[in-house]
Amino acid sequence: MHISIVYALPHEQFIEELDVPEVCTVEQAIKMSTVLIKYPNIDLTINKVGIFAKLVKLTQELHDGERIEIYRALPRKPRSAHAADDKKERIRAKKERKKLGE
């Protein structure tokens, strides 16, 4: 059975095509590839995986022609980061006001 494994970084893409046994899981295929050697920062307990942009579990059995995608964590968007920081500041200020009022 022929499958491919992809992993994308901002300025680099990894694509590997390989033949795997007829009964093979996503995790087994990833371990058969060289992606974990080339990118040791990939942690399958943390990084999510998918097949053709649909999240799947590592135990998912593969079919011929499928593309396994290993997803990386994306940094927070600046707007989201500011919103989170603003919320923390509002909570801190509310606690301070409550403390002063007691």
N, C-alpha and C. Protein backbone atom coordinates (compact mmCIF):
# COMPACT_ATOMS: atom_id res chain seq x y z
N MET A 1 0.85 -1.16 0.00
CA MET A 1 0.00 0.00 0.00
C MET A 1 0.90 1.24 0.00
N HIS A 2 0.58 2.20 -0.81
CA HIS A 2 1.40 3.40 -0.99
C HIS A 2 0.74 4.58 -0.27
N ILE A 3 1.49 5.25 0.63
CA ILE A 3 0.97 6.41 1.36
C ILE A 3 2.04 7.50 1.35
N SER A 4 1.66 8.68 1.84
CA SER A 4 2.65 9.75 1.99
C SER A 4 2.50 10.39 3.37
N ILE A 5 3.59 10.95 3.84
CA ILE A 5 3.62 11.62 5.13
C ILE A 5 4.14 13.02 4.90
N VAL A 6 3.44 14.02 5.46
CA VAL A 6 3.87 15.41 5.30
C VAL A 6 3.95 16.10 6.64
N TYR A 7 4.89 17.03 6.73
CA TYR A 7 5.08 17.87 7.90
C TYR A 7 5.59 19.20 7.39
N ALA A 8 4.93 20.27 7.77
CA ALA A 8 5.29 21.59 7.23
C ALA A 8 5.73 22.54 8.34
N LEU A 9 6.83 23.21 8.06
CA LEU A 9 7.32 24.28 8.92
C LEU A 9 7.16 25.57 8.14
N PRO A 10 7.34 26.74 8.76
CA PRO A 10 7.14 27.99 8.03
C PRO A 10 7.95 28.11 6.74
N HIS A 11 9.18 27.62 6.73
CA HIS A 11 10.02 27.79 5.55
C HIS A 11 10.54 26.47 4.99
N GLU A 12 9.89 25.38 5.36
CA GLU A 12 10.38 24.08 4.94
C GLU A 12 9.23 23.08 4.96
N GLN A 13 9.24 22.18 3.99
CA GLN A 13 8.22 21.13 3.94
C GLN A 13 8.90 19.77 3.84
N PHE A 14 8.34 18.81 4.57
CA PHE A 14 8.83 17.44 4.50
C PHE A 14 7.73 16.61 3.86
N ILE A 15 8.07 15.90 2.80
CA ILE A 15 7.13 15.00 2.14
C ILE A 15 7.87 13.70 1.87
N GLU A 16 7.30 12.61 2.35
CA GLU A 16 7.90 11.30 2.11
C GLU A 16 6.82 10.34 1.66
N GLU A 17 7.09 9.64 0.61
CA GLU A 17 6.17 8.62 0.12
C GLU A 17 6.78 7.27 0.45
N LEU A 18 5.96 6.36 0.94
CA LEU A 18 6.48 5.05 1.26
C LEU A 18 5.43 3.97 1.09
N ASP A 19 5.92 2.78 0.96
CA ASP A 19 5.05 1.61 0.88
C ASP A 19 5.00 0.97 2.25
N VAL A 20 3.79 0.70 2.72
CA VAL A 20 3.59 0.10 4.03
C VAL A 20 2.77 -1.17 3.87
N PRO A 21 2.77 -2.04 4.88
CA PRO A 21 1.94 -3.25 4.81
C PRO A 21 0.46 -2.92 4.64
N GLU A 22 -0.31 -3.86 4.14
CA GLU A 22 -1.75 -3.65 3.91
C GLU A 22 -2.49 -3.25 5.18
N VAL A 23 -2.09 -3.84 6.32
CA VAL A 23 -2.69 -3.46 7.60
C VAL A 23 -1.65 -2.64 8.35
N CYS A 24 -1.90 -1.33 8.41
CA CYS A 24 -0.93 -0.41 9.01
C CYS A 24 -1.68 0.76 9.62
N THR A 25 -1.27 1.17 10.81
CA THR A 25 -1.89 2.33 11.45
C THR A 25 -1.09 3.59 11.14
N VAL A 26 -1.68 4.72 11.46
CA VAL A 26 -1.03 6.01 11.26
C VAL A 26 0.29 6.04 12.03
N GLU A 27 0.26 5.63 13.28
CA GLU A 27 1.46 5.66 14.11
C GLU A 27 2.56 4.75 13.54
N GLN A 28 2.20 3.56 13.12
CA GLN A 28 3.18 2.65 12.55
C GLN A 28 3.83 3.25 11.30
N ALA A 29 3.03 3.86 10.45
CA ALA A 29 3.56 4.46 9.22
C ALA A 29 4.51 5.61 9.54
N ILE A 30 4.15 6.45 10.51
CA ILE A 30 5.02 7.57 10.89
C ILE A 30 6.35 7.04 11.40
N LYS A 31 6.30 5.98 12.21
CA LYS A 31 7.54 5.40 12.75
C LYS A 31 8.37 4.71 11.67
N MET A 32 7.74 4.26 10.59
CA MET A 32 8.48 3.65 9.48
C MET A 32 9.18 4.71 8.63
N SER A 33 8.68 5.92 8.67
CA SER A 33 9.26 6.99 7.85
C SER A 33 10.48 7.59 8.55
N THR A 34 11.10 8.56 7.90
CA THR A 34 12.26 9.23 8.48
C THR A 34 11.90 10.56 9.13
N VAL A 35 10.63 10.89 9.20
CA VAL A 35 10.22 12.19 9.72
C VAL A 35 10.63 12.39 11.18
N LEU A 36 10.53 11.35 12.01
CA LEU A 36 10.88 11.50 13.42
C LEU A 36 12.39 11.62 13.61
N ILE A 37 13.16 11.11 12.66
CA ILE A 37 14.61 11.25 12.72
C ILE A 37 15.01 12.66 12.29
N LYS A 38 14.40 13.13 11.22
CA LYS A 38 14.73 14.46 10.70
C LYS A 38 14.21 15.57 11.61
N TYR A 39 13.07 15.34 12.26
CA TYR A 39 12.46 16.34 13.14
C TYR A 39 12.23 15.72 14.51
N PRO A 40 13.26 15.63 15.35
CA PRO A 40 13.11 14.99 16.66
C PRO A 40 12.20 15.76 17.62
N ASN A 41 11.86 17.00 17.28
CA ASN A 41 10.96 17.79 18.12
C ASN A 41 9.50 17.33 18.00
N ILE A 42 9.19 16.49 17.03
CA ILE A 42 7.83 15.97 16.89
C ILE A 42 7.58 14.98 18.02
N ASP A 43 6.51 15.22 18.76
CA ASP A 43 6.11 14.33 19.85
C ASP A 43 4.70 13.85 19.54
N LEU A 44 4.56 12.59 19.22
CA LEU A 44 3.26 12.07 18.81
C LEU A 44 2.23 12.07 19.94
N THR A 45 2.67 12.29 21.17
CA THR A 45 1.70 12.43 22.27
C THR A 45 1.15 13.85 22.33
N ILE A 46 1.84 14.78 21.65
CA ILE A 46 1.41 16.18 21.66
C ILE A 46 0.90 16.62 20.28
N ASN A 47 1.70 16.38 19.24
CA ASN A 47 1.33 16.80 17.90
C ASN A 47 0.10 16.03 17.41
N LYS A 48 -0.84 16.75 16.86
CA LYS A 48 -2.02 16.11 16.28
C LYS A 48 -1.67 15.63 14.88
N VAL A 49 -2.41 14.63 14.43
CA VAL A 49 -2.20 14.10 13.08
C VAL A 49 -3.54 14.03 12.36
N GLY A 50 -3.47 14.02 11.04
CA GLY A 50 -4.68 13.95 10.25
C GLY A 50 -4.43 13.24 8.94
N ILE A 51 -5.51 12.93 8.26
CA ILE A 51 -5.45 12.36 6.92
C ILE A 51 -6.28 13.29 6.04
N PHE A 52 -5.64 13.87 5.06
CA PHE A 52 -6.30 14.84 4.17
C PHE A 52 -7.07 15.89 4.95
N ALA A 53 -6.39 16.53 5.92
CA ALA A 53 -6.92 17.65 6.70
C ALA A 53 -8.04 17.28 7.66
N LYS A 54 -8.22 16.02 7.95
CA LYS A 54 -9.22 15.59 8.93
C LYS A 54 -8.49 14.90 10.07
N LEU A 55 -8.67 15.40 11.30
CA LEU A 55 -7.99 14.83 12.45
C LEU A 55 -8.33 13.36 12.62
N VAL A 56 -7.31 12.56 12.92
CA VAL A 56 -7.50 11.13 13.18
C VAL A 56 -6.64 10.73 14.37
N LYS A 57 -6.94 9.56 14.91
CA LYS A 57 -6.14 9.02 16.01
C LYS A 57 -4.97 8.25 15.42
N LEU A 58 -3.95 8.06 16.23
CA LEU A 58 -2.77 7.32 15.78
C LEU A 58 -3.11 5.87 15.47
N THR A 59 -4.21 5.36 16.02
CA THR A 59 -4.60 3.97 15.81
C THR A 59 -5.42 3.77 14.54
N GLN A 60 -5.71 4.86 13.84
CA GLN A 60 -6.49 4.79 12.59
C GLN A 60 -5.77 3.92 11.56
N GLU A 61 -6.49 2.98 10.95
CA GLU A 61 -5.89 2.16 9.90
C GLU A 61 -5.88 2.94 8.59
N LEU A 62 -4.83 2.71 7.82
CA LEU A 62 -4.64 3.44 6.58
C LEU A 62 -5.22 2.71 5.38
N HIS A 63 -5.50 3.48 4.34
CA HIS A 63 -5.92 2.95 3.04
C HIS A 63 -4.94 3.44 1.99
N ASP A 64 -4.88 2.73 0.90
CA ASP A 64 -3.95 3.07 -0.18
C ASP A 64 -4.16 4.50 -0.65
N GLY A 65 -3.05 5.23 -0.82
CA GLY A 65 -3.10 6.57 -1.37
C GLY A 65 -3.33 7.68 -0.36
N GLU A 66 -3.49 7.36 0.92
CA GLU A 66 -3.77 8.39 1.90
C GLU A 66 -2.51 9.20 2.24
N ARG A 67 -2.75 10.43 2.68
CA ARG A 67 -1.67 11.34 3.06
C ARG A 67 -1.81 11.64 4.54
N ILE A 68 -0.81 11.23 5.31
CA ILE A 68 -0.78 11.52 6.75
C ILE A 68 -0.15 12.90 6.92
N GLU A 69 -0.80 13.74 7.69
CA GLU A 69 -0.28 15.08 7.97
C GLU A 69 0.01 15.19 9.46
N ILE A 70 1.19 15.64 9.79
CA ILE A 70 1.56 15.87 11.19
C ILE A 70 1.47 17.36 11.41
N TYR A 71 0.65 17.77 12.37
CA TYR A 71 0.42 19.19 12.61
C TYR A 71 1.31 19.69 13.74
N ARG A 72 1.74 20.92 13.61
CA ARG A 72 2.55 21.54 14.66
C ARG A 72 1.71 22.60 15.35
N ALA A 73 2.10 22.92 16.57
CA ALA A 73 1.39 23.96 17.31
C ALA A 73 1.72 25.31 16.67
N LEU A 74 0.71 26.11 16.50
CA LEU A 74 0.92 27.44 15.93
C LEU A 74 1.00 28.46 17.06
N PRO A 75 1.85 29.47 16.90
CA PRO A 75 1.92 30.50 17.93
C PRO A 75 0.61 31.28 17.97
N ARG A 76 0.34 31.87 19.12
CA ARG A 76 -0.88 32.67 19.24
C ARG A 76 -0.81 33.85 18.29
N LYS A 77 -1.96 34.20 17.75
CA LYS A 77 -2.02 35.38 16.89
C LYS A 77 -1.86 36.60 17.79
N PRO A 78 -1.19 37.64 17.31
CA PRO A 78 -0.98 38.82 18.16
C PRO A 78 -2.28 39.39 18.72
N ARG A 79 -3.33 39.41 17.92
CA ARG A 79 -4.60 39.94 18.40
C ARG A 79 -5.14 39.10 19.55
N SER A 80 -5.05 37.77 19.42
CA SER A 80 -5.50 36.88 20.48
C SER A 80 -4.64 37.03 21.73
N ALA A 81 -3.35 37.22 21.54
CA ALA A 81 -2.45 37.39 22.68
C ALA A 81 -2.80 38.66 23.45
N HIS A 82 -3.07 39.75 22.72
CA HIS A 82 -3.45 41.00 23.38
C HIS A 82 -4.77 40.84 24.10
N ALA A 83 -5.72 40.16 23.50
CA ALA A 83 -7.02 39.96 24.14
C ALA A 83 -6.86 39.15 25.43
N ALA A 84 -6.04 38.13 25.40
CA ALA A 84 -5.81 37.31 26.59
C ALA A 84 -5.12 38.13 27.68
N ASP A 85 -4.13 38.94 27.28
CA ASP A 85 -3.44 39.78 28.25
C ASP A 85 -4.39 40.82 28.85
N ASP A 86 -5.25 41.41 28.02
CA ASP A 86 -6.23 42.39 28.51
C ASP A 86 -7.18 41.75 29.51
N LYS A 87 -7.63 40.54 29.22
CA LYS A 87 -8.55 39.85 30.12
C LYS A 87 -7.87 39.59 31.47
N LYS A 88 -6.62 39.15 31.43
CA LYS A 88 -5.88 38.91 32.68
C LYS A 88 -5.77 40.20 33.49
N GLU A 89 -5.51 41.30 32.79
CA GLU A 89 -5.38 42.60 33.46
C GLU A 89 -6.71 43.02 34.10
N ARG A 90 -7.83 42.81 33.39
CA ARG A 90 -9.14 43.15 33.95
C ARG A 90 -9.43 42.31 35.19
N ILE A 91 -9.10 41.03 35.16
CA ILE A 91 -9.32 40.15 36.31
C ILE A 91 -8.47 40.60 37.49
N ARG A 92 -7.19 40.94 37.21
CA ARG A 92 -6.30 41.40 38.27
C ARG A 92 -6.82 42.69 38.89
N ALA A 93 -7.26 43.62 38.04
CA ALA A 93 -7.78 44.90 38.54
C ALA A 93 -9.05 44.68 39.37
N LYS A 94 -9.91 43.77 38.96
CA LYS A 94 -11.14 43.49 39.70
C LYS A 94 -10.80 42.93 41.08
N LYS A 95 -9.82 42.03 41.13
CA LYS A 95 -9.40 41.46 42.42
C LYS A 95 -8.84 42.55 43.33
N GLU A 96 -8.08 43.47 42.73
CA GLU A 96 -7.50 44.58 43.52
C GLU A 96 -8.61 45.46 44.10
N ARG A 97 -9.60 45.80 43.26
CA ARG A 97 -10.72 46.63 43.73
C ARG A 97 -11.47 45.92 44.84
N LYS A 98 -11.68 44.63 44.67
CA LYS A 98 -12.39 43.86 45.70
C LYS A 98 -11.59 43.83 47.00
N LYS A 99 -10.28 43.67 46.87
CA LYS A 99 -9.40 43.62 48.03
C LYS A 99 -9.43 44.95 48.78
N LEU A 100 -9.39 46.07 48.03
CA LEU A 100 -9.42 47.40 48.64
C LEU A 100 -10.76 47.70 49.28
N GLY A 101 -11.81 47.13 48.77
CA GLY A 101 -13.17 47.37 49.27
C GLY A 101 -13.48 46.58 50.54
N GLU A 102 -12.70 45.57 50.83
CA GLU A 102 -12.97 44.73 52.01
C GLU A 102 -12.54 45.38 53.29
